[in-house]
Amino acid sequence: MAAQPEFASNVARVENRAALDGRIAAFFGQHARDELVARLRAAKIAFGEVNTVARFSGHPQLRRVTIATPGGAVAIPAPPPIVDGRTPALGPVPAIGEHSAKIRKEFAA
C-alpha cells in the first residue's frame, strides 16, 4: 500500500482516509487479535491495544500490592508513583464504622 500514490505520503493518506481506514479494517477483520499484536510488534509498529477488563487487570505493567481488608487480603493496582525504587506503603482498609467516632470527634471540635 505504501507504494500506491493514494497512500504514499501523509497528505495523500489524509486525503484518502476513508479508503485507508476501510482497507485497514478489512485486513484486521481477517486476523485474530493475538496474531495482529505479534505482527505489529515484529514490524516495530507502535499500537495501542483495546483490552477487556480482565486483560487490563492482568497487564504486566499494572503492578499490584496486597492490602489487608476486614474480609481478608486483596491484591489491588499499586499507586503509580515509585519513589526511590519503592512503592508507597498502604495501610489496611478499615472496617465499616471503624473510624466513625474519631471522625465525628474531629469535626465536632
PDB file of N, CA and C in Angstrom:
ATOM      1  N   MET A   1       0.827  -1.203   0.000  1.00  0.00           N
ATOM      2  CA  MET A   1       0.000   0.000   0.000  1.00  0.00           C
ATOM      3  C   MET A   1       0.863   1.257   0.000  1.00  0.00           C
ATOM      4  N   ALA A   2       2.022   1.198   0.658  1.00  0.00           N
ATOM      5  CA  ALA A   2       2.856   2.395   0.769  1.00  0.00           C
ATOM      6  C   ALA A   2       3.331   2.884  -0.593  1.00  0.00           C
ATOM      7  N   ALA A   3       3.398   1.990  -1.572  1.00  0.00           N
ATOM      8  CA  ALA A   3       3.850   2.385  -2.907  1.00  0.00           C
ATOM      9  C   ALA A   3       2.715   2.958  -3.758  1.00  0.00           C
ATOM     10  N   GLN A   4       1.493   2.797  -3.317  1.00  0.00           N
ATOM     11  CA  GLN A   4       0.352   3.316  -4.085  1.00  0.00           C
ATOM     12  C   GLN A   4       0.238   4.817  -3.857  1.00  0.00           C
ATOM     13  N   PRO A   5       0.040   5.597  -4.929  1.00  0.00           N
ATOM     14  CA  PRO A   5       0.027   7.061  -4.814  1.00  0.00           C
ATOM     15  C   PRO A   5      -0.953   7.589  -3.769  1.00  0.00           C
ATOM     16  N   GLU A   6      -2.114   6.945  -3.609  1.00  0.00           N
ATOM     17  CA  GLU A   6      -3.110   7.454  -2.663  1.00  0.00           C
ATOM     18  C   GLU A   6      -2.728   7.237  -1.201  1.00  0.00           C
ATOM     19  N   PHE A   7      -1.639   6.461  -0.963  1.00  0.00           N
ATOM     20  CA  PHE A   7      -1.199   6.207   0.410  1.00  0.00           C
ATOM     21  C   PHE A   7       0.287   6.490   0.613  1.00  0.00           C
ATOM     22  N   ALA A   8       0.967   7.023  -0.364  1.00  0.00           N
ATOM     23  CA  ALA A   8       2.423   7.167  -0.339  1.00  0.00           C
ATOM     24  C   ALA A   8       2.934   8.264   0.588  1.00  0.00           C
ATOM     25  N   SER A   9       2.107   9.232   0.932  1.00  0.00           N
ATOM     26  CA  SER A   9       2.533  10.303   1.833  1.00  0.00           C
ATOM     27  C   SER A   9       1.440  10.553   2.859  1.00  0.00           C
ATOM     28  N   ASN A  10       1.786  11.272   3.902  1.00  0.00           N
ATOM     29  CA  ASN A  10       0.796  11.573   4.928  1.00  0.00           C
ATOM     30  C   ASN A  10      -0.346  12.408   4.355  1.00  0.00           C
ATOM     31  N   VAL A  11      -0.007  13.374   3.521  1.00  0.00           N
ATOM     32  CA  VAL A  11      -1.041  14.210   2.891  1.00  0.00           C
ATOM     33  C   VAL A  11      -1.990  13.336   2.080  1.00  0.00           C
ATOM     34  N   ALA A  12      -1.434  12.407   1.310  1.00  0.00           N
ATOM     35  CA  ALA A  12      -2.268  11.519   0.498  1.00  0.00           C
ATOM     36  C   ALA A  12      -3.123  10.617   1.380  1.00  0.00           C
ATOM     37  N   ARG A  13      -2.553  10.118   2.465  1.00  0.00           N
ATOM     38  CA  ARG A  13      -3.331   9.253   3.364  1.00  0.00           C
ATOM     39  C   ARG A  13      -4.475  10.018   4.009  1.00  0.00           C
ATOM     40  N   VAL A  14      -4.236  11.266   4.398  1.00  0.00           N
ATOM     41  CA  VAL A  14      -5.304  12.084   4.988  1.00  0.00           C
ATOM     42  C   VAL A  14      -6.396  12.332   3.955  1.00  0.00           C
ATOM     43  N   GLU A  15      -6.005  12.648   2.736  1.00  0.00           N
ATOM     44  CA  GLU A  15      -6.982  12.897   1.669  1.00  0.00           C
ATOM     45  C   GLU A  15      -7.796  11.645   1.357  1.00  0.00           C
ATOM     46  N   ASN A  16      -7.213  10.485   1.545  1.00  0.00           N
ATOM     47  CA  ASN A  16      -7.876   9.216   1.235  1.00  0.00           C
ATOM     48  C   ASN A  16      -8.164   8.413   2.500  1.00  0.00           C
ATOM     49  N   ARG A  17      -8.468   9.117   3.576  1.00  0.00           N
ATOM     50  CA  ARG A  17      -8.650   8.494   4.888  1.00  0.00           C
ATOM     51  C   ARG A  17      -9.728   7.412   4.890  1.00  0.00           C
ATOM     52  N   ALA A  18     -10.858   7.658   4.256  1.00  0.00           N
ATOM     53  CA  ALA A  18     -11.935   6.663   4.262  1.00  0.00           C
ATOM     54  C   ALA A  18     -11.476   5.367   3.597  1.00  0.00           C
ATOM     55  N   ALA A  19     -10.787   5.478   2.478  1.00  0.00           N
ATOM     56  CA  ALA A  19     -10.304   4.286   1.778  1.00  0.00           C
ATOM     57  C   ALA A  19      -9.247   3.566   2.612  1.00  0.00           C
ATOM     58  N   LEU A  20      -8.348   4.326   3.225  1.00  0.00           N
ATOM     59  CA  LEU A  20      -7.303   3.737   4.061  1.00  0.00           C
ATOM     60  C   LEU A  20      -7.912   3.018   5.259  1.00  0.00           C
ATOM     61  N   ASP A  21      -8.826   3.684   5.949  1.00  0.00           N
ATOM     62  CA  ASP A  21      -9.488   3.062   7.103  1.00  0.00           C
ATOM     63  C   ASP A  21     -10.208   1.778   6.687  1.00  0.00           C
ATOM     64  N   GLY A  22     -10.866   1.811   5.530  1.00  0.00           N
ATOM     65  CA  GLY A  22     -11.585   0.628   5.046  1.00  0.00           C
ATOM     66  C   GLY A  22     -10.654  -0.537   4.786  1.00  0.00           C
ATOM     67  N   ARG A  23      -9.503  -0.271   4.186  1.00  0.00           N
ATOM     68  CA  ARG A  23      -8.541  -1.344   3.884  1.00  0.00           C
ATOM     69  C   ARG A  23      -7.937  -1.901   5.167  1.00  0.00           C
ATOM     70  N   ILE A  24      -7.630  -1.021   6.105  1.00  0.00           N
ATOM     71  CA  ILE A  24      -7.071  -1.483   7.386  1.00  0.00           C
ATOM     72  C   ILE A  24      -8.109  -2.322   8.132  1.00  0.00           C
ATOM     73  N   ALA A  25      -9.342  -1.843   8.195  1.00  0.00           N
ATOM     74  CA  ALA A  25     -10.402  -2.583   8.892  1.00  0.00           C
ATOM     75  C   ALA A  25     -10.636  -3.946   8.246  1.00  0.00           C
ATOM     76  N   ALA A  26     -10.617  -3.998   6.918  1.00  0.00           N
ATOM     77  CA  ALA A  26     -10.821  -5.273   6.231  1.00  0.00           C
ATOM     78  C   ALA A  26      -9.690  -6.253   6.568  1.00  0.00           C
ATOM     79  N   PHE A  27      -8.451  -5.770   6.581  1.00  0.00           N
ATOM     80  CA  PHE A  27      -7.312  -6.635   6.911  1.00  0.00           C
ATOM     81  C   PHE A  27      -7.391  -7.100   8.355  1.00  0.00           C
ATOM     82  N   PHE A  28      -7.608  -6.167   9.267  1.00  0.00           N
ATOM     83  CA  PHE A  28      -7.662  -6.519  10.691  1.00  0.00           C
ATOM     84  C   PHE A  28      -8.821  -7.467  10.980  1.00  0.00           C
ATOM     85  N   GLY A  29      -9.907  -7.318  10.250  1.00  0.00           N
ATOM     86  CA  GLY A  29     -11.067  -8.184  10.455  1.00  0.00           C
ATOM     87  C   GLY A  29     -10.832  -9.630  10.074  1.00  0.00           C
ATOM     88  N   GLN A  30      -9.790  -9.886   9.304  1.00  0.00           N
ATOM     89  CA  GLN A  30      -9.496 -11.246   8.844  1.00  0.00           C
ATOM     90  C   GLN A  30      -8.496 -11.981   9.739  1.00  0.00           C
ATOM     91  N   HIS A  31      -7.997 -11.318  10.758  1.00  0.00           N
ATOM     92  CA  HIS A  31      -6.941 -11.906  11.579  1.00  0.00           C
ATOM     93  C   HIS A  31      -7.303 -11.847  13.060  1.00  0.00           C
ATOM     94  N   ALA A  32      -6.827 -12.839  13.788  1.00  0.00           N
ATOM     95  CA  ALA A  32      -7.069 -12.897  15.238  1.00  0.00           C
ATOM     96  C   ALA A  32      -6.244 -11.821  15.943  1.00  0.00           C
ATOM     97  N   ARG A  33      -6.743 -11.374  17.059  1.00  0.00           N
ATOM     98  CA  ARG A  33      -6.094 -10.317  17.840  1.00  0.00           C
ATOM     99  C   ARG A  33      -4.635 -10.634  18.146  1.00  0.00           C
ATOM    100  N   ASP A  34      -4.379 -11.837  18.674  1.00  0.00           N
ATOM    101  CA  ASP A  34      -3.020 -12.196  19.065  1.00  0.00           C
ATOM    102  C   ASP A  34      -2.069 -12.213  17.865  1.00  0.00           C
ATOM    103  N   GLU A  35      -2.563 -12.641  16.710  1.00  0.00           N
ATOM    104  CA  GLU A  35      -1.742 -12.626  15.502  1.00  0.00           C
ATOM    105  C   GLU A  35      -1.401 -11.191  15.108  1.00  0.00           C
ATOM    106  N   LEU A  36      -2.394 -10.312  15.164  1.00  0.00           N
ATOM    107  CA  LEU A  36      -2.147  -8.905  14.819  1.00  0.00           C
ATOM    108  C   LEU A  36      -1.137  -8.274  15.765  1.00  0.00           C
ATOM    109  N   VAL A  37      -1.271  -8.538  17.049  1.00  0.00           N
ATOM    110  CA  VAL A  37      -0.325  -7.994  18.036  1.00  0.00           C
ATOM    111  C   VAL A  37       1.079  -8.492  17.718  1.00  0.00           C
ATOM    112  N   ALA A  38       1.218  -9.772  17.433  1.00  0.00           N
ATOM    113  CA  ALA A  38       2.543 -10.336  17.131  1.00  0.00           C
ATOM    114  C   ALA A  38       3.126  -9.707  15.865  1.00  0.00           C
ATOM    115  N   ARG A  39       2.294  -9.523  14.846  1.00  0.00           N
ATOM    116  CA  ARG A  39       2.781  -8.945  13.584  1.00  0.00           C
ATOM    117  C   ARG A  39       3.171  -7.478  13.765  1.00  0.00           C
ATOM    118  N   LEU A  40       2.382  -6.732  14.516  1.00  0.00           N
ATOM    119  CA  LEU A  40       2.715  -5.323  14.748  1.00  0.00           C
ATOM    120  C   LEU A  40       4.006  -5.191  15.547  1.00  0.00           C
ATOM    121  N   ARG A  41       4.154  -6.030  16.558  1.00  0.00           N
ATOM    122  CA  ARG A  41       5.397  -5.999  17.354  1.00  0.00           C
ATOM    123  C   ARG A  41       6.604  -6.374  16.500  1.00  0.00           C
ATOM    124  N   ALA A  42       6.461  -7.424  15.684  1.00  0.00           N
ATOM    125  CA  ALA A  42       7.568  -7.867  14.833  1.00  0.00           C
ATOM    126  C   ALA A  42       7.980  -6.772  13.850  1.00  0.00           C
ATOM    127  N   ALA A  43       7.001  -5.996  13.371  1.00  0.00           N
ATOM    128  CA  ALA A  43       7.284  -4.917  12.421  1.00  0.00           C
ATOM    129  C   ALA A  43       7.707  -3.630  13.128  1.00  0.00           C
ATOM    130  N   LYS A  44       7.719  -3.665  14.475  1.00  0.00           N
ATOM    131  CA  LYS A  44       8.071  -2.494  15.287  1.00  0.00           C
ATOM    132  C   LYS A  44       7.171  -1.297  14.969  1.00  0.00           C
ATOM    133  N   ILE A  45       5.876  -1.587  14.867  1.00  0.00           N
ATOM    134  CA  ILE A  45       4.875  -0.550  14.630  1.00  0.00           C
ATOM    135  C   ILE A  45       4.195  -0.247  15.958  1.00  0.00           C
ATOM    136  N   ALA A  46       4.196   1.012  16.333  1.00  0.00           N
ATOM    137  CA  ALA A  46       3.543   1.417  17.584  1.00  0.00           C
ATOM    138  C   ALA A  46       2.036   1.203  17.450  1.00  0.00           C
ATOM    139  N   PHE A  47       1.422   0.712  18.511  1.00  0.00           N
ATOM    140  CA  PHE A  47      -0.016   0.479  18.500  1.00  0.00           C
ATOM    141  C   PHE A  47      -0.521   0.451  19.932  1.00  0.00           C
ATOM    142  N   GLY A  48      -1.799   0.624  20.078  1.00  0.00           N
ATOM    143  CA  GLY A  48      -2.439   0.502  21.379  1.00  0.00           C
ATOM    144  C   GLY A  48      -3.447  -0.619  21.324  1.00  0.00           C
ATOM    145  N   GLU A  49      -3.524  -1.378  22.379  1.00  0.00           N
ATOM    146  CA  GLU A  49      -4.466  -2.492  22.429  1.00  0.00           C
ATOM    147  C   GLU A  49      -5.746  -2.079  23.134  1.00  0.00           C
ATOM    148  N   VAL A  50      -6.860  -2.557  22.628  1.00  0.00           N
ATOM    149  CA  VAL A  50      -8.133  -2.397  23.316  1.00  0.00           C
ATOM    150  C   VAL A  50      -8.318  -3.680  24.113  1.00  0.00           C
ATOM    151  N   ASN A  51      -8.429  -3.537  25.416  1.00  0.00           N
ATOM    152  CA  ASN A  51      -8.477  -4.693  26.301  1.00  0.00           C
ATOM    153  C   ASN A  51      -9.839  -4.860  26.955  1.00  0.00           C
ATOM    154  N   THR A  52     -10.109  -6.086  27.341  1.00  0.00           N
ATOM    155  CA  THR A  52     -11.235  -6.341  28.230  1.00  0.00           C
ATOM    156  C   THR A  52     -10.765  -5.953  29.638  1.00  0.00           C
ATOM    157  N   VAL A  53     -11.681  -5.882  30.566  1.00  0.00           N
ATOM    158  CA  VAL A  53     -11.304  -5.566  31.947  1.00  0.00           C
ATOM    159  C   VAL A  53     -10.358  -6.641  32.475  1.00  0.00           C
ATOM    160  N   ALA A  54     -10.617  -7.895  32.158  1.00  0.00           N
ATOM    161  CA  ALA A  54      -9.768  -8.990  32.639  1.00  0.00           C
ATOM    162  C   ALA A  54      -8.357  -8.878  32.067  1.00  0.00           C
ATOM    163  N   ARG A  55      -8.228  -8.582  30.771  1.00  0.00           N
ATOM    164  CA  ARG A  55      -6.898  -8.434  30.166  1.00  0.00           C
ATOM    165  C   ARG A  55      -6.173  -7.229  30.751  1.00  0.00           C
ATOM    166  N   PHE A  56      -6.899  -6.141  30.923  1.00  0.00           N
ATOM    167  CA  PHE A  56      -6.287  -4.944  31.501  1.00  0.00           C
ATOM    168  C   PHE A  56      -5.789  -5.230  32.909  1.00  0.00           C
ATOM    169  N   SER A  57      -6.619  -5.895  33.694  1.00  0.00           N
ATOM    170  CA  SER A  57      -6.259  -6.190  35.077  1.00  0.00           C
ATOM    171  C   SER A  57      -5.017  -7.069  35.164  1.00  0.00           C
ATOM    172  N   GLY A  58      -4.815  -7.926  34.180  1.00  0.00           N
ATOM    173  CA  GLY A  58      -3.668  -8.816  34.194  1.00  0.00           C
ATOM    174  C   GLY A  58      -2.459  -8.289  33.437  1.00  0.00           C
ATOM    175  N   HIS A  59      -2.522  -7.034  32.980  1.00  0.00           N
ATOM    176  CA  HIS A  59      -1.424  -6.480  32.186  1.00  0.00           C
ATOM    177  C   HIS A  59      -0.138  -6.448  33.016  1.00  0.00           C
ATOM    178  N   PRO A  60       0.988  -6.857  32.431  1.00  0.00           N
ATOM    179  CA  PRO A  60       2.230  -6.917  33.203  1.00  0.00           C
ATOM    180  C   PRO A  60       2.720  -5.564  33.722  1.00  0.00           C
ATOM    181  N   GLN A  61       2.316  -4.483  33.104  1.00  0.00           N
ATOM    182  CA  GLN A  61       2.742  -3.169  33.580  1.00  0.00           C
ATOM    183  C   GLN A  61       1.890  -2.666  34.741  1.00  0.00           C
ATOM    184  N   LEU A  62       0.808  -3.343  35.028  1.00  0.00           N
ATOM    185  CA  LEU A  62      -0.067  -2.938  36.128  1.00  0.00           C
ATOM    186  C   LEU A  62       0.400  -3.664  37.390  1.00  0.00           C
ATOM    187  N   ARG A  63       1.279  -2.995  38.109  1.00  0.00           N
ATOM    188  CA  ARG A  63       1.814  -3.586  39.334  1.00  0.00           C
ATOM    189  C   ARG A  63       0.704  -3.758  40.361  1.00  0.00           C
ATOM    190  N   ARG A  64       0.848  -4.730  41.200  1.00  0.00           N
ATOM    191  CA  ARG A  64      -0.138  -4.998  42.243  1.00  0.00           C
ATOM    192  C   ARG A  64       0.522  -4.970  43.607  1.00  0.00           C
ATOM    193  N   VAL A  65      -0.260  -4.579  44.601  1.00  0.00           N
ATOM    194  CA  VAL A  65       0.149  -4.677  46.000  1.00  0.00           C
ATOM    195  C   VAL A  65      -0.980  -5.379  46.748  1.00  0.00           C
ATOM    196  N   THR A  66      -0.614  -6.027  47.829  1.00  0.00           N
ATOM    197  CA  THR A  66      -1.617  -6.717  48.640  1.00  0.00           C
ATOM    198  C   THR A  66      -1.888  -5.882  49.875  1.00  0.00           C
ATOM    199  N   ILE A  67      -3.172  -5.681  50.146  1.00  0.00           N
ATOM    200  CA  ILE A  67      -3.572  -4.932  51.340  1.00  0.00           C
ATOM    201  C   ILE A  67      -4.521  -5.788  52.169  1.00  0.00           C
ATOM    202  N   ALA A  68      -4.546  -5.497  53.445  1.00  0.00           N
ATOM    203  CA  ALA A  68      -5.443  -6.199  54.362  1.00  0.00           C
ATOM    204  C   ALA A  68      -6.807  -5.518  54.347  1.00  0.00           C
ATOM    205  N   THR A  69      -7.852  -6.322  54.332  1.00  0.00           N
ATOM    206  CA  THR A  69      -9.221  -5.813  54.449  1.00  0.00           C
ATOM    207  C   THR A  69      -9.922  -6.646  55.513  1.00  0.00           C
ATOM    208  N   PRO A  70     -11.046  -6.173  56.025  1.00  0.00           N
ATOM    209  CA  PRO A  70     -11.762  -6.979  57.008  1.00  0.00           C
ATOM    210  C   PRO A  70     -12.160  -8.360  56.472  1.00  0.00           C
ATOM    211  N   GLY A  71     -12.262  -8.481  55.143  1.00  0.00           N
ATOM    212  CA  GLY A  71     -12.623  -9.770  54.541  1.00  0.00           C
ATOM    213  C   GLY A  71     -11.429 -10.614  54.128  1.00  0.00           C
ATOM    214  N   GLY A  72     -10.211 -10.140  54.408  1.00  0.00           N
ATOM    215  CA  GLY A  72      -9.009 -10.878  54.022  1.00  0.00           C
ATOM    216  C   GLY A  72      -8.130 -10.051  53.095  1.00  0.00           C
ATOM    217  N   ALA A  73      -6.992 -10.601  52.743  1.00  0.00           N
ATOM    218  CA  ALA A  73      -6.038  -9.894  51.881  1.00  0.00           C
ATOM    219  C   ALA A  73      -6.576  -9.794  50.454  1.00  0.00           C
ATOM    220  N   VAL A  74      -6.306  -8.631  49.824  1.00  0.00           N
ATOM    221  CA  VAL A  74      -6.761  -8.378  48.452  1.00  0.00           C
ATOM    222  C   VAL A  74      -5.618  -7.739  47.679  1.00  0.00           C
ATOM    223  N   ALA A  75      -5.400  -8.206  46.445  1.00  0.00           N
ATOM    224  CA  ALA A  75      -4.399  -7.583  45.576  1.00  0.00           C
ATOM    225  C   ALA A  75      -5.092  -6.481  44.785  1.00  0.00           C
ATOM    226  N   ILE A  76      -4.526  -5.273  44.833  1.00  0.00           N
ATOM    227  CA  ILE A  76      -5.100  -4.127  44.119  1.00  0.00           C
ATOM    228  C   ILE A  76      -4.010  -3.484  43.258  1.00  0.00           C
ATOM    229  N   PRO A  77      -4.419  -2.685  42.254  1.00  0.00           N
ATOM    230  CA  PRO A  77      -3.400  -1.950  41.495  1.00  0.00           C
ATOM    231  C   PRO A  77      -2.584  -1.064  42.424  1.00  0.00           C
ATOM    232  N   ALA A  78      -1.275  -1.082  42.241  1.00  0.00           N
ATOM    233  CA  ALA A  78      -0.384  -0.272  43.069  1.00  0.00           C
ATOM    234  C   ALA A  78      -0.480   1.191  42.661  1.00  0.00           C
ATOM    235  N   PRO A  79      -0.267   2.098  43.604  1.00  0.00           N
ATOM    236  CA  PRO A  79      -0.225   3.514  43.238  1.00  0.00           C
ATOM    237  C   PRO A  79       0.869   3.734  42.185  1.00  0.00           C
ATOM    238  N   PRO A  80       0.632   4.587  41.197  1.00  0.00           N
ATOM    239  CA  PRO A  80       1.604   4.771  40.118  1.00  0.00           C
ATOM    240  C   PRO A  80       2.990   5.248  40.542  1.00  0.00           C
ATOM    241  N   PRO A  81       3.120   6.193  41.492  1.00  0.00           N
ATOM    242  CA  PRO A  81       4.467   6.694  41.762  1.00  0.00           C
ATOM    243  C   PRO A  81       5.362   5.669  42.444  1.00  0.00           C
ATOM    244  N   ILE A  82       6.612   5.659  42.023  1.00  0.00           N
ATOM    245  CA  ILE A  82       7.645   4.871  42.692  1.00  0.00           C
ATOM    246  C   ILE A  82       8.715   5.869  43.091  1.00  0.00           C
ATOM    247  N   VAL A  83       8.940   6.011  44.383  1.00  0.00           N
ATOM    248  CA  VAL A  83       9.912   6.969  44.898  1.00  0.00           C
ATOM    249  C   VAL A  83      11.086   6.191  45.471  1.00  0.00           C
ATOM    250  N   ASP A  84      12.270   6.512  45.004  1.00  0.00           N
ATOM    251  CA  ASP A  84      13.482   5.823  45.460  1.00  0.00           C
ATOM    252  C   ASP A  84      13.358   4.308  45.317  1.00  0.00           C
ATOM    253  N   GLY A  85      12.711   3.876  44.234  1.00  0.00           N
ATOM    254  CA  GLY A  85      12.581   2.444  43.975  1.00  0.00           C
ATOM    255  C   GLY A  85      11.547   1.732  44.814  1.00  0.00           C
ATOM    256  N   ARG A  86      10.761   2.487  45.587  1.00  0.00           N
ATOM    257  CA  ARG A  86       9.781   1.857  46.474  1.00  0.00           C
ATOM    258  C   ARG A  86       8.372   2.334  46.141  1.00  0.00           C
ATOM    259  N   THR A  87       7.435   1.414  46.193  1.00  0.00           N
ATOM    260  CA  THR A  87       6.019   1.749  46.080  1.00  0.00           C
ATOM    261  C   THR A  87       5.547   2.189  47.456  1.00  0.00           C
ATOM    262  N   PRO A  88       4.734   3.251  47.544  1.00  0.00           N
ATOM    263  CA  PRO A  88       4.256   3.691  48.860  1.00  0.00           C
ATOM    264  C   PRO A  88       3.550   2.569  49.620  1.00  0.00           C
ATOM    265  N   ALA A  89       3.811   2.510  50.920  1.00  0.00           N
ATOM    266  CA  ALA A  89       3.158   1.509  51.768  1.00  0.00           C
ATOM    267  C   ALA A  89       1.691   1.885  51.948  1.00  0.00           C
ATOM    268  N   LEU A  90       0.842   0.912  51.886  1.00  0.00           N
ATOM    269  CA  LEU A  90      -0.592   1.146  52.074  1.00  0.00           C
ATOM    270  C   LEU A  90      -1.046   0.454  53.348  1.00  0.00           C
ATOM    271  N   GLY A  91      -1.814   1.164  54.131  1.00  0.00           N
ATOM    272  CA  GLY A  91      -2.347   0.575  55.348  1.00  0.00           C
ATOM    273  C   GLY A  91      -3.547  -0.296  55.043  1.00  0.00           C
ATOM    274  N   PRO A  92      -4.067  -0.941  56.063  1.00  0.00           N
ATOM    275  CA  PRO A  92      -5.232  -1.805  55.854  1.00  0.00           C
ATOM    276  C   PRO A  92      -6.487  -0.987  55.565  1.00  0.00           C
ATOM    277  N   VAL A  93      -7.424  -1.595  54.895  1.00  0.00           N
ATOM    278  CA  VAL A  93      -8.720  -0.971  54.646  1.00  0.00           C
ATOM    279  C   VAL A  93      -9.511  -1.068  55.952  1.00  0.00           C
ATOM    280  N   PRO A  94     -10.028   0.052  56.437  1.00  0.00           N
ATOM    281  CA  PRO A  94     -10.760  -0.019  57.708  1.00  0.00           C
ATOM    282  C   PRO A  94     -12.115  -0.721  57.553  1.00  0.00           C
ATOM    283  N   ALA A  95     -12.570  -1.292  58.627  1.00  0.00           N
ATOM    284  CA  ALA A  95     -13.902  -1.895  58.644  1.00  0.00           C
ATOM    285  C   ALA A  95     -14.940  -0.782  58.632  1.00  0.00           C
ATOM    286  N   ILE A  96     -16.124  -1.098  58.206  1.00  0.00           N
ATOM    287  CA  ILE A  96     -17.199  -0.105  58.196  1.00  0.00           C
ATOM    288  C   ILE A  96     -17.416   0.390  59.624  1.00  0.00           C
ATOM    289  N   GLY A  97     -17.342   1.700  59.785  1.00  0.00           N
ATOM    290  CA  GLY A  97     -17.557   2.320  61.084  1.00  0.00           C
ATOM    291  C   GLY A  97     -16.340   2.340  61.999  1.00  0.00           C
ATOM    292  N   GLU A  98     -15.243   1.750  61.558  1.00  0.00           N
ATOM    293  CA  GLU A  98     -14.060   1.647  62.423  1.00  0.00           C
ATOM    294  C   GLU A  98     -13.564   3.012  62.905  1.00  0.00           C
ATOM    295  N   HIS A  99     -13.638   4.028  62.065  1.00  0.00           N
ATOM    296  CA  HIS A  99     -13.125   5.350  62.428  1.00  0.00           C
ATOM    297  C   HIS A  99     -14.235   6.389  62.627  1.00  0.00           C
ATOM    298  N   SER A 100     -15.469   5.937  62.664  1.00  0.00           N
ATOM    299  CA  SER A 100     -16.598   6.878  62.748  1.00  0.00           C
ATOM    300  C   SER A 100     -16.529   7.792  63.967  1.00  0.00           C
ATOM    301  N   ALA A 101     -16.266   7.231  65.135  1.00  0.00           N
ATOM    302  CA  ALA A 101     -16.233   8.050  66.361  1.00  0.00           C
ATOM    303  C   ALA A 101     -15.095   9.083  66.283  1.00  0.00           C
ATOM    304  N   LYS A 102     -13.938   8.674  65.800  1.00  0.00           N
ATOM    305  CA  LYS A 102     -12.808   9.589  65.682  1.00  0.00           C
ATOM    306  C   LYS A 102     -13.110  10.722  64.711  1.00  0.00           C
ATOM    307  N   ILE A 103     -13.744  10.404  63.585  1.00  0.00           N
ATOM    308  CA  ILE A 103     -14.086  11.439  62.596  1.00  0.00           C
ATOM    309  C   ILE A 103     -15.131  12.410  63.172  1.00  0.00           C
ATOM    310  N   ARG A 104     -16.141  11.846  63.832  1.00  0.00           N
ATOM    311  CA  ARG A 104     -17.173  12.727  64.438  1.00  0.00           C
ATOM    312  C   ARG A 104     -16.544  13.658  65.479  1.00  0.00           C
ATOM    313  N   LYS A 105     -15.654  13.113  66.288  1.00  0.00           N
ATOM    314  CA  LYS A 105     -14.993  13.927  67.307  1.00  0.00           C
ATOM    315  C   LYS A 105     -14.162  15.033  66.665  1.00  0.00           C
ATOM    316  N   GLU A 106     -13.464  14.710  65.563  1.00  0.00           N
ATOM    317  CA  GLU A 106     -12.631  15.709  64.882  1.00  0.00           C
ATOM    318  C   GLU A 106     -13.470  16.856  64.341  1.00  0.00           C
ATOM    319  N   PHE A 107     -14.617  16.561  63.794  1.00  0.00           N
ATOM    320  CA  PHE A 107     -15.448  17.617  63.191  1.00  0.00           C
ATOM    321  C   PHE A 107     -16.331  18.318  64.216  1.00  0.00           C
ATOM    322  N   ALA A 108     -16.499  17.730  65.386  1.00  0.00           N
ATOM    323  CA  ALA A 108     -17.306  18.364  66.420  1.00  0.00           C
ATOM    324  C   ALA A 108     -16.475  19.395  67.200  1.00  0.00           C
ATOM    325  N   ALA A 109     -15.176  19.284  67.117  1.00  0.00           N
ATOM    326  CA  ALA A 109     -14.304  20.162  67.894  1.00  0.00           C
ATOM    327  C   ALA A 109     -14.289  21.580  67.384  1.00  0.00           C
TER     328      ALA A 109
END
